[in-house]
PDB file of N, CA and C in Angstrom:
ATOM      1  N   UNK A   1      86.720  89.159 104.598  1.00  0.00           N
ATOM      2  CA  UNK A   1      88.084  89.521 104.301  1.00  0.00           C
ATOM      3  C   UNK A   1      88.074  90.605 103.225  1.00  0.00           C
ATOM      4  N   UNK A   2      88.789  91.655 103.486  1.00  0.00           N
ATOM      5  CA  UNK A   2      88.848  92.748 102.521  1.00  0.00           C
ATOM      6  C   UNK A   2      89.902  92.447 101.453  1.00  0.00           C
ATOM      7  N   UNK A   3      89.830  93.135 100.327  1.00  0.00           N
ATOM      8  CA  UNK A   3      90.850  92.938  99.293  1.00  0.00           C
ATOM      9  C   UNK A   3      92.267  93.211  99.808  1.00  0.00           C
ATOM     10  N   UNK A   4      92.401  94.169 100.718  1.00  0.00           N
ATOM     11  CA  UNK A   4      93.725  94.481 101.273  1.00  0.00           C
ATOM     12  C   UNK A   4      94.270  93.304 102.077  1.00  0.00           C
ATOM     13  N   UNK A   5      93.407  92.681 102.893  1.00  0.00           N
ATOM     14  CA  UNK A   5      93.847  91.510 103.660  1.00  0.00           C
ATOM     15  C   UNK A   5      94.255  90.373 102.729  1.00  0.00           C
ATOM     16  N   UNK A   6      93.454  90.132 101.703  1.00  0.00           N
ATOM     17  CA  UNK A   6      93.757  89.071 100.745  1.00  0.00           C
ATOM     18  C   UNK A   6      95.091  89.336 100.055  1.00  0.00           C
ATOM     19  N   UNK A   7      95.303  90.561  99.634  1.00  0.00           N
ATOM     20  CA  UNK A   7      96.556  90.914  98.972  1.00  0.00           C
ATOM     21  C   UNK A   7      97.741  90.713  99.909  1.00  0.00           C
ATOM     22  N   UNK A   8      97.587  91.115 101.166  1.00  0.00           N
ATOM     23  CA  UNK A   8      98.664  90.961 102.146  1.00  0.00           C
ATOM     24  C   UNK A   8      99.003  89.493 102.370  1.00  0.00           C
ATOM     25  N   UNK A   9      97.988  88.664 102.524  1.00  0.00           N
ATOM     26  CA  UNK A   9      98.209  87.233 102.748  1.00  0.00           C
ATOM     27  C   UNK A   9      98.891  86.588 101.543  1.00  0.00           C
ATOM     28  N   UNK A  10      98.423  86.919 100.347  1.00  0.00           N
ATOM     29  CA  UNK A  10      99.033  86.353  99.142  1.00  0.00           C
ATOM     30  C   UNK A  10     100.480  86.818  98.981  1.00  0.00           C
ATOM     31  N   UNK A  11     100.743  88.077  99.299  1.00  0.00           N
ATOM     32  CA  UNK A  11     102.108  88.605  99.229  1.00  0.00           C
ATOM     33  C   UNK A  11     103.019  87.831 100.175  1.00  0.00           C
ATOM     34  N   UNK A  12     102.551  87.615 101.417  1.00  0.00           N
ATOM     35  CA  UNK A  12     103.367  86.888 102.386  1.00  0.00           C
ATOM     36  C   UNK A  12     103.603  85.448 101.947  1.00  0.00           C
ATOM     37  N   UNK A  13     102.590  84.821 101.353  1.00  0.00           N
ATOM     38  CA  UNK A  13     102.754  83.437 100.884  1.00  0.00           C
ATOM     39  C   UNK A  13     103.799  83.364  99.775  1.00  0.00           C
ATOM     40  N   UNK A  14     103.743  84.300  98.840  1.00  0.00           N
ATOM     41  CA  UNK A  14     104.672  84.290  97.711  1.00  0.00           C
ATOM     42  C   UNK A  14     106.092  84.614  98.168  1.00  0.00           C
ATOM     43  N   UNK A  15     106.218  85.497  99.146  1.00  0.00           N
ATOM     44  CA  UNK A  15     107.528  85.960  99.607  1.00  0.00           C
ATOM     45  C   UNK A  15     107.912  85.343 100.955  1.00  0.00           C
ATOM     46  N   UNK A  16     107.563  84.087 101.155  1.00  0.00           N
ATOM     47  CA  UNK A  16     107.783  83.400 102.440  1.00  0.00           C
ATOM     48  C   UNK A  16     109.248  83.423 102.869  1.00  0.00           C
ATOM     49  N   UNK A  17     110.175  83.437 101.928  1.00  0.00           N
ATOM     50  CA  UNK A  17     111.601  83.391 102.278  1.00  0.00           C
ATOM     51  C   UNK A  17     112.086  84.677 102.941  1.00  0.00           C
ATOM     52  N   UNK A  18     111.304  85.764 102.855  1.00  0.00           N
ATOM     53  CA  UNK A  18     111.737  87.051 103.409  1.00  0.00           C
ATOM     54  C   UNK A  18     111.265  87.304 104.832  1.00  0.00           C
ATOM     55  N   UNK A  19     110.407  86.432 105.384  1.00  0.00           N
ATOM     56  CA  UNK A  19     109.861  86.689 106.713  1.00  0.00           C
ATOM     57  C   UNK A  19     109.704  85.389 107.476  1.00  0.00           C
ATOM     58  N   UNK A  20     109.536  85.541 108.808  1.00  0.00           N
ATOM     59  CA  UNK A  20     109.317  84.386 109.676  1.00  0.00           C
ATOM     60  C   UNK A  20     108.222  84.743 110.672  1.00  0.00           C
ATOM     61  N   UNK A  21     107.834  83.788 111.482  1.00  0.00           N
ATOM     62  CA  UNK A  21     106.817  84.052 112.503  1.00  0.00           C
ATOM     63  C   UNK A  21     107.299  85.137 113.459  1.00  0.00           C
ATOM     64  N   UNK A  22     108.592  85.155 113.751  1.00  0.00           N
ATOM     65  CA  UNK A  22     109.153  86.179 114.641  1.00  0.00           C
ATOM     66  C   UNK A  22     109.012  87.567 114.019  1.00  0.00           C
ATOM     67  N   UNK A  23     109.206  87.683 112.721  1.00  0.00           N
ATOM     68  CA  UNK A  23     109.055  88.961 112.028  1.00  0.00           C
ATOM     69  C   UNK A  23     107.621  89.460 112.122  1.00  0.00           C
ATOM     70  N   UNK A  24     106.671  88.570 111.886  1.00  0.00           N
ATOM     71  CA  UNK A  24     105.259  88.942 111.970  1.00  0.00           C
ATOM     72  C   UNK A  24     104.917  89.374 113.392  1.00  0.00           C
ATOM     73  N   UNK A  25     105.431  88.660 114.379  1.00  0.00           N
ATOM     74  CA  UNK A  25     105.178  89.003 115.781  1.00  0.00           C
ATOM     75  C   UNK A  25     105.692  90.409 116.091  1.00  0.00           C
ATOM     76  N   UNK A  26     106.894  90.741 115.611  1.00  0.00           N
ATOM     77  CA  UNK A  26     107.457  92.074 115.836  1.00  0.00           C
ATOM     78  C   UNK A  26     106.598  93.159 115.202  1.00  0.00           C
ATOM     79  N   UNK A  27     106.135  92.922 113.990  1.00  0.00           N
ATOM     80  CA  UNK A  27     105.305  93.904 113.287  1.00  0.00           C
ATOM     81  C   UNK A  27     103.980  94.104 114.017  1.00  0.00           C
ATOM     82  N   UNK A  28     103.361  93.007 114.431  1.00  0.00           N
ATOM     83  CA  UNK A  28     102.072  93.092 115.121  1.00  0.00           C
ATOM     84  C   UNK A  28     102.220  93.843 116.438  1.00  0.00           C
ATOM     85  N   UNK A  29     103.313  93.588 117.141  1.00  0.00           N
ATOM     86  CA  UNK A  29     103.548  94.259 118.433  1.00  0.00           C
ATOM     87  C   UNK A  29     104.057  95.681 118.266  1.00  0.00           C
ATOM     88  N   UNK A  30     104.578  95.999 117.092  1.00  0.00           N
ATOM     89  CA  UNK A  30     105.096  97.339 116.841  1.00  0.00           C
ATOM     90  C   UNK A  30     106.471  97.560 117.425  1.00  0.00           C
ATOM     91  N   UNK A  31     107.238  96.476 117.618  1.00  0.00           N
ATOM     92  CA  UNK A  31     108.592  96.601 118.157  1.00  0.00           C
ATOM     93  C   UNK A  31     109.603  96.512 117.035  1.00  0.00           C
ATOM     94  N   UNK A  32     110.794  96.934 117.332  1.00  0.00           N
ATOM     95  CA  UNK A  32     111.865  96.920 116.331  1.00  0.00           C
ATOM     96  C   UNK A  32     112.614  95.622 116.368  1.00  0.00           C
TER      97      UNK A  32
END
């Protein structure tokens, strides 16, 4: 795991109220 991945995961954990599984799915797929 790179430092960037670790930072991203920690950011998502801390800011859990701002995103959902559906949001992550949209980002991964590159859809709006």
